[in-house]
Amino acid sequence: MIFETFLVSFFSYIAGSVPFGLILSKFFLSKDIRNVGSKNIGATNVLRAGNKFVAGLTLFMDIFKGFAPVIIVKFYFPNLIYLSALMAFLGHIFPIWLKFKGGKGVATYLGVIFALSLKLALLFCVSWILISFITKYSSLSSIISTLVIFLISFFESNFEINSFLFIVFVIILYTHRKNIVRLKNRTEDKIKL
């Protein structure tokens, strides 16, 4: 069991830690995304670099790297699925390749949720789209949608997924702490599609 726990943790973390935003922006745009906009490696910041295709591809790959390890673990080690989910999510935020300075985790979180519950993933997407359409703030949409998913799950799911979703919500708040300050000061950048 100890070996399985280590294997799942390591595999999920490594999968989640691949910095696709940095790799794709360097390959397609010849830019280091860490020197652009918010200096974040996520899709929203890749969009700020001015290329919708690369931003979309980054979004897809960041979702996939959360989805893939959890689906694999769900098949082979179902009792360790929430460990896998958490490690993939943390891999994106604290990637070993970038001195543990990664993205904010939202796209990878969405991939994880797709692997855990299609219903919750679709509800997250609907919530995020509606809030972003109304407010034009990606950060606010991510924070509120993460909270919405936790609250929905809280009333109808099991303790394990509720605990995972609560931990993720707290981490999402942490990764968006600067955004929260900018939202409060009304200096946060709006989404420009």
C-alpha atoms as a PDB file:
ATOM      1  CA  MET A   1       0.000   0.000   0.000  1.00  0.00           C
ATOM      2  CA  ILE A   2       2.903   2.366   0.768  1.00  0.00           C
ATOM      3  CA  PHE A   3       4.414   1.725  -2.665  1.00  0.00           C
ATOM      4  CA  GLU A   4       1.048   2.282  -4.376  1.00  0.00           C
ATOM      5  CA  THR A   5       0.562   5.538  -2.484  1.00  0.00           C
ATOM      6  CA  PHE A   6       4.027   6.750  -3.495  1.00  0.00           C
ATOM      7  CA  LEU A   7       3.537   5.652  -7.110  1.00  0.00           C
ATOM      8  CA  VAL A   8       0.163   7.415  -7.433  1.00  0.00           C
ATOM      9  CA  SER A   9       1.469  10.563  -5.718  1.00  0.00           C
ATOM     10  CA  PHE A  10       4.587  10.753  -7.873  1.00  0.00           C
ATOM     11  CA  PHE A  11       2.833   9.943 -11.156  1.00  0.00           C
ATOM     12  CA  SER A  12      -0.014  12.390 -10.554  1.00  0.00           C
ATOM     13  CA  TYR A  13       2.285  15.192  -9.397  1.00  0.00           C
ATOM     14  CA  ILE A  14       4.647  14.799 -12.381  1.00  0.00           C
ATOM     15  CA  ALA A  15       1.714  14.733 -14.818  1.00  0.00           C
ATOM     16  CA  GLY A  16       0.214  17.854 -13.264  1.00  0.00           C
ATOM     17  CA  SER A  17       3.532  19.691 -13.147  1.00  0.00           C
ATOM     18  CA  VAL A  18       4.166  19.863 -16.906  1.00  0.00           C
ATOM     19  CA  PRO A  19       4.183  23.650 -17.638  1.00  0.00           C
ATOM     20  CA  PHE A  20       2.315  23.634 -20.936  1.00  0.00           C
ATOM     21  CA  GLY A  21       1.735  27.406 -20.900  1.00  0.00           C
ATOM     22  CA  LEU A  22       5.486  28.010 -20.801  1.00  0.00           C
ATOM     23  CA  ILE A  23       6.327  25.264 -23.306  1.00  0.00           C
ATOM     24  CA  LEU A  24       3.674  26.276 -25.843  1.00  0.00           C
ATOM     25  CA  SER A  25       4.319  30.026 -25.596  1.00  0.00           C
ATOM     26  CA  LYS A  26       8.036  29.460 -26.120  1.00  0.00           C
ATOM     27  CA  PHE A  27       7.433  27.102 -29.050  1.00  0.00           C
ATOM     28  CA  PHE A  28       4.729  29.092 -30.868  1.00  0.00           C
ATOM     29  CA  LEU A  29       5.386  32.667 -29.745  1.00  0.00           C
ATOM     30  CA  SER A  30       9.091  32.626 -28.851  1.00  0.00           C
ATOM     31  CA  LYS A  31       8.098  34.256 -25.563  1.00  0.00           C
ATOM     32  CA  ASP A  32       8.670  33.389 -21.928  1.00  0.00           C
ATOM     33  CA  ILE A  33       5.159  33.735 -20.565  1.00  0.00           C
ATOM     34  CA  ARG A  34       6.644  34.447 -17.135  1.00  0.00           C
ATOM     35  CA  ASN A  35       7.665  37.876 -18.474  1.00  0.00           C
ATOM     36  CA  VAL A  36       4.189  38.744 -19.789  1.00  0.00           C
ATOM     37  CA  GLY A  37       1.176  40.237 -17.995  1.00  0.00           C
ATOM     38  CA  SER A  38       0.637  38.542 -14.632  1.00  0.00           C
ATOM     39  CA  LYS A  39       3.775  36.414 -15.253  1.00  0.00           C
ATOM     40  CA  ASN A  40       1.594  33.333 -14.716  1.00  0.00           C
ATOM     41  CA  ILE A  41       1.978  30.173 -16.845  1.00  0.00           C
ATOM     42  CA  GLY A  42      -1.780  29.635 -17.223  1.00  0.00           C
ATOM     43  CA  ALA A  43      -4.033  30.039 -20.260  1.00  0.00           C
ATOM     44  CA  THR A  44      -5.406  33.441 -19.220  1.00  0.00           C
ATOM     45  CA  ASN A  45      -1.925  34.926 -19.235  1.00  0.00           C
ATOM     46  CA  VAL A  46      -1.082  33.212 -22.530  1.00  0.00           C
ATOM     47  CA  LEU A  47      -4.158  34.988 -23.905  1.00  0.00           C
ATOM     48  CA  ARG A  48      -2.655  38.280 -22.708  1.00  0.00           C
ATOM     49  CA  ALA A  49       0.367  37.463 -24.869  1.00  0.00           C
ATOM     50  CA  GLY A  50      -1.965  37.967 -27.804  1.00  0.00           C
ATOM     51  CA  ASN A  51      -2.588  34.532 -29.274  1.00  0.00           C
ATOM     52  CA  LYS A  52      -5.991  32.885 -28.842  1.00  0.00           C
ATOM     53  CA  PHE A  53      -4.918  29.603 -30.438  1.00  0.00           C
ATOM     54  CA  VAL A  54      -1.974  29.111 -28.083  1.00  0.00           C
ATOM     55  CA  ALA A  55      -4.134  30.178 -25.133  1.00  0.00           C
ATOM     56  CA  GLY A  56      -6.804  27.651 -26.138  1.00  0.00           C
ATOM     57  CA  LEU A  57      -4.216  24.918 -26.590  1.00  0.00           C
ATOM     58  CA  THR A  58      -2.724  25.743 -23.177  1.00  0.00           C
ATOM     59  CA  LEU A  59      -6.179  25.562 -21.614  1.00  0.00           C
ATOM     60  CA  PHE A  60      -6.848  22.177 -23.206  1.00  0.00           C
ATOM     61  CA  MET A  61      -3.489  20.709 -22.152  1.00  0.00           C
ATOM     62  CA  ASP A  62      -3.791  22.048 -18.593  1.00  0.00           C
ATOM     63  CA  ILE A  63      -7.237  20.465 -18.336  1.00  0.00           C
ATOM     64  CA  PHE A  64      -5.945  17.224 -19.828  1.00  0.00           C
ATOM     65  CA  LYS A  65      -3.010  16.953 -17.413  1.00  0.00           C
ATOM     66  CA  GLY A  66      -5.494  17.049 -14.542  1.00  0.00           C
ATOM     67  CA  PHE A  67      -7.898  14.630 -16.195  1.00  0.00           C
ATOM     68  CA  ALA A  68      -5.475  11.950 -17.449  1.00  0.00           C
ATOM     69  CA  PRO A  69      -3.731  10.866 -14.228  1.00  0.00           C
ATOM     70  CA  VAL A  70      -6.965  10.806 -12.237  1.00  0.00           C
ATOM     71  CA  ILE A  71      -8.736   8.657 -14.849  1.00  0.00           C
ATOM     72  CA  ILE A  72      -5.810   6.237 -14.910  1.00  0.00           C
ATOM     73  CA  VAL A  73      -5.688   6.019 -11.115  1.00  0.00           C
ATOM     74  CA  LYS A  74      -9.488   5.674 -11.012  1.00  0.00           C
ATOM     75  CA  PHE A  75      -9.113   2.507 -13.099  1.00  0.00           C
ATOM     76  CA  TYR A  76      -6.106   0.925 -11.352  1.00  0.00           C
ATOM     77  CA  PHE A  77      -6.175   2.318  -7.799  1.00  0.00           C
ATOM     78  CA  PRO A  78      -9.707   3.653  -7.157  1.00  0.00           C
ATOM     79  CA  ASN A  79      -9.102   3.940  -3.419  1.00  0.00           C
ATOM     80  CA  LEU A  80      -6.367   6.535  -4.127  1.00  0.00           C
ATOM     81  CA  ILE A  81      -8.317   8.688  -6.572  1.00  0.00           C
ATOM     82  CA  TYR A  82      -8.551  11.764  -4.337  1.00  0.00           C
ATOM     83  CA  LEU A  83      -4.847  11.593  -3.563  1.00  0.00           C
ATOM     84  CA  SER A  84      -4.208  11.535  -7.307  1.00  0.00           C
ATOM     85  CA  ALA A  85      -6.580  14.464  -7.826  1.00  0.00           C
ATOM     86  CA  LEU A  86      -4.864  16.570  -5.179  1.00  0.00           C
ATOM     87  CA  MET A  87      -1.324  15.757  -6.356  1.00  0.00           C
ATOM     88  CA  ALA A  88      -2.107  16.568 -10.010  1.00  0.00           C
ATOM     89  CA  PHE A  89      -3.638  19.871  -8.897  1.00  0.00           C
ATOM     90  CA  LEU A  90      -0.647  20.706  -6.671  1.00  0.00           C
ATOM     91  CA  GLY A  91       1.742  19.711  -9.460  1.00  0.00           C
ATOM     92  CA  HIS A  92       0.438  22.553 -11.620  1.00  0.00           C
ATOM     93  CA  ILE A  93       0.691  25.104  -8.814  1.00  0.00           C
ATOM     94  CA  PHE A  94       4.080  23.958  -7.504  1.00  0.00           C
ATOM     95  CA  PRO A  95       5.958  22.395 -10.462  1.00  0.00           C
ATOM     96  CA  ILE A  96       9.416  21.127  -9.632  1.00  0.00           C
ATOM     97  CA  TRP A  97      10.661  22.237 -13.084  1.00  0.00           C
ATOM     98  CA  LEU A  98       9.939  25.927 -12.343  1.00  0.00           C
ATOM     99  CA  LYS A  99      11.225  26.098  -8.772  1.00  0.00           C
ATOM    100  CA  PHE A 100       7.708  25.379  -7.523  1.00  0.00           C
ATOM    101  CA  LYS A 101       6.283  28.569  -9.090  1.00  0.00           C
ATOM    102  CA  GLY A 102       3.435  27.499 -11.359  1.00  0.00           C
ATOM    103  CA  GLY A 103      -0.081  28.501 -12.302  1.00  0.00           C
ATOM    104  CA  LYS A 104      -3.184  29.136 -10.255  1.00  0.00           C
ATOM    105  CA  GLY A 105      -4.586  25.659 -10.795  1.00  0.00           C
ATOM    106  CA  VAL A 106      -8.048  26.348 -12.209  1.00  0.00           C
ATOM    107  CA  ALA A 107      -7.761  24.560 -15.574  1.00  0.00           C
ATOM    108  CA  THR A 108      -6.032  21.550 -14.004  1.00  0.00           C
ATOM    109  CA  TYR A 109      -8.708  21.529 -11.295  1.00  0.00           C
ATOM    110  CA  LEU A 110     -11.346  21.436 -14.034  1.00  0.00           C
ATOM    111  CA  GLY A 111      -9.630  18.426 -15.618  1.00  0.00           C
ATOM    112  CA  VAL A 112      -9.591  16.681 -12.259  1.00  0.00           C
ATOM    113  CA  ILE A 113     -13.299  17.414 -11.759  1.00  0.00           C
ATOM    114  CA  PHE A 114     -14.115  16.014 -15.209  1.00  0.00           C
ATOM    115  CA  ALA A 115     -12.451  12.770 -14.100  1.00  0.00           C
ATOM    116  CA  LEU A 116     -14.318  12.715 -10.775  1.00  0.00           C
ATOM    117  CA  SER A 117     -17.778  13.926 -11.778  1.00  0.00           C
ATOM    118  CA  LEU A 118     -19.039  14.984 -15.200  1.00  0.00           C
ATOM    119  CA  LYS A 119     -22.006  16.750 -13.593  1.00  0.00           C
ATOM    120  CA  LEU A 120     -19.840  18.888 -11.314  1.00  0.00           C
ATOM    121  CA  ALA A 121     -17.464  19.690 -14.177  1.00  0.00           C
ATOM    122  CA  LEU A 122     -20.316  20.883 -16.394  1.00  0.00           C
ATOM    123  CA  LEU A 123     -21.768  22.934 -13.532  1.00  0.00           C
ATOM    124  CA  PHE A 124     -18.364  24.537 -13.019  1.00  0.00           C
ATOM    125  CA  CYS A 125     -18.181  25.434 -16.720  1.00  0.00           C
ATOM    126  CA  VAL A 126     -21.677  26.942 -16.736  1.00  0.00           C
ATOM    127  CA  SER A 127     -20.964  28.903 -13.557  1.00  0.00           C
ATOM    128  CA  TRP A 128     -17.618  30.166 -14.842  1.00  0.00           C
ATOM    129  CA  ILE A 129     -19.038  31.247 -18.206  1.00  0.00           C
ATOM    130  CA  LEU A 130     -22.005  33.053 -16.636  1.00  0.00           C
ATOM    131  CA  ILE A 131     -19.912  34.913 -14.072  1.00  0.00           C
ATOM    132  CA  SER A 132     -17.218  35.842 -16.580  1.00  0.00           C
ATOM    133  CA  PHE A 133     -19.875  37.044 -19.040  1.00  0.00           C
ATOM    134  CA  ILE A 134     -21.389  39.276 -16.352  1.00  0.00           C
ATOM    135  CA  THR A 135     -18.205  40.528 -14.655  1.00  0.00           C
ATOM    136  CA  LYS A 136     -15.487  40.015 -17.304  1.00  0.00           C
ATOM    137  CA  TYR A 137     -13.122  38.864 -14.520  1.00  0.00           C
ATOM    138  CA  SER A 138     -11.474  35.448 -14.977  1.00  0.00           C
ATOM    139  CA  SER A 139     -10.216  35.385 -11.390  1.00  0.00           C
ATOM    140  CA  LEU A 140     -13.607  36.159  -9.843  1.00  0.00           C
ATOM    141  CA  SER A 141     -15.274  33.567 -12.067  1.00  0.00           C
ATOM    142  CA  SER A 142     -12.763  30.938 -10.951  1.00  0.00           C
ATOM    143  CA  ILE A 143     -13.092  31.706  -7.242  1.00  0.00           C
ATOM    144  CA  ILE A 144     -16.897  31.791  -7.208  1.00  0.00           C
ATOM    145  CA  SER A 145     -17.276  28.727  -9.444  1.00  0.00           C
ATOM    146  CA  THR A 146     -14.926  26.704  -7.226  1.00  0.00           C
ATOM    147  CA  LEU A 147     -17.029  27.703  -4.203  1.00  0.00           C
ATOM    148  CA  VAL A 148     -20.271  26.854  -6.034  1.00  0.00           C
ATOM    149  CA  ILE A 149     -19.023  23.352  -6.863  1.00  0.00           C
ATOM    150  CA  PHE A 150     -18.008  22.745  -3.257  1.00  0.00           C
ATOM    151  CA  LEU A 151     -21.399  23.913  -1.953  1.00  0.00           C
ATOM    152  CA  ILE A 152     -23.325  21.781  -4.464  1.00  0.00           C
ATOM    153  CA  SER A 153     -21.207  18.744  -3.615  1.00  0.00           C
ATOM    154  CA  PHE A 154     -21.539  19.389   0.115  1.00  0.00           C
ATOM    155  CA  PHE A 155     -25.262  18.696   0.053  1.00  0.00           C
ATOM    156  CA  GLU A 156     -25.211  15.534  -2.023  1.00  0.00           C
ATOM    157  CA  SER A 157     -21.821  13.814  -2.126  1.00  0.00           C
ATOM    158  CA  ASN A 158     -19.496  11.869   0.130  1.00  0.00           C
ATOM    159  CA  PHE A 159     -17.027  13.077   2.725  1.00  0.00           C
ATOM    160  CA  GLU A 160     -13.937  12.381   0.593  1.00  0.00           C
ATOM    161  CA  ILE A 161     -14.923  14.490  -2.404  1.00  0.00           C
ATOM    162  CA  ASN A 162     -16.278  17.226  -0.122  1.00  0.00           C
ATOM    163  CA  SER A 163     -12.962  17.347   1.716  1.00  0.00           C
ATOM    164  CA  PHE A 164     -11.040  17.451  -1.567  1.00  0.00           C
ATOM    165  CA  LEU A 165     -13.225  20.245  -2.973  1.00  0.00           C
ATOM    166  CA  PHE A 166     -12.904  22.277   0.220  1.00  0.00           C
ATOM    167  CA  ILE A 167      -9.104  21.948   0.224  1.00  0.00           C
ATOM    168  CA  VAL A 168      -9.007  22.984  -3.429  1.00  0.00           C
ATOM    169  CA  PHE A 169     -11.233  26.003  -2.756  1.00  0.00           C
ATOM    170  CA  VAL A 170      -8.873  27.184   0.006  1.00  0.00           C
ATOM    171  CA  ILE A 171      -5.853  26.723  -2.294  1.00  0.00           C
ATOM    172  CA  ILE A 172      -7.616  28.557  -5.139  1.00  0.00           C
ATOM    173  CA  LEU A 173      -8.210  31.469  -2.751  1.00  0.00           C
ATOM    174  CA  TYR A 174      -4.497  31.403  -1.910  1.00  0.00           C
ATOM    175  CA  THR A 175      -3.335  31.316  -5.535  1.00  0.00           C
ATOM    176  CA  HIS A 176      -5.680  34.219  -6.325  1.00  0.00           C
ATOM    177  CA  ARG A 177      -4.711  36.336  -3.301  1.00  0.00           C
ATOM    178  CA  LYS A 178      -3.184  39.090  -5.471  1.00  0.00           C
ATOM    179  CA  ASN A 179      -6.210  39.011  -7.765  1.00  0.00           C
ATOM    180  CA  ILE A 180      -8.482  39.431  -4.756  1.00  0.00           C
ATOM    181  CA  VAL A 181      -6.558  42.564  -3.736  1.00  0.00           C
ATOM    182  CA  ARG A 182      -6.803  43.929  -7.288  1.00  0.00           C
ATOM    183  CA  LEU A 183     -10.528  43.122  -7.424  1.00  0.00           C
ATOM    184  CA  LYS A 184     -10.993  45.008  -4.173  1.00  0.00           C
ATOM    185  CA  ASN A 185      -9.012  47.971  -5.556  1.00  0.00           C
ATOM    186  CA  ARG A 186     -10.772  47.718  -8.939  1.00  0.00           C
ATOM    187  CA  THR A 187      -7.460  47.319 -10.764  1.00  0.00           C
ATOM    188  CA  GLU A 188      -7.934  43.712 -11.907  1.00  0.00           C
ATOM    189  CA  ASP A 189      -7.581  43.109 -15.651  1.00  0.00           C
ATOM    190  CA  LYS A 190     -10.746  42.112 -17.467  1.00  0.00           C
ATOM    191  CA  ILE A 191     -11.002  39.296 -19.994  1.00  0.00           C
ATOM    192  CA  LYS A 192     -10.459  40.461 -23.563  1.00  0.00           C
ATOM    193  CA  LEU A 193     -11.666  37.938 -26.124  1.00  0.00           C
END
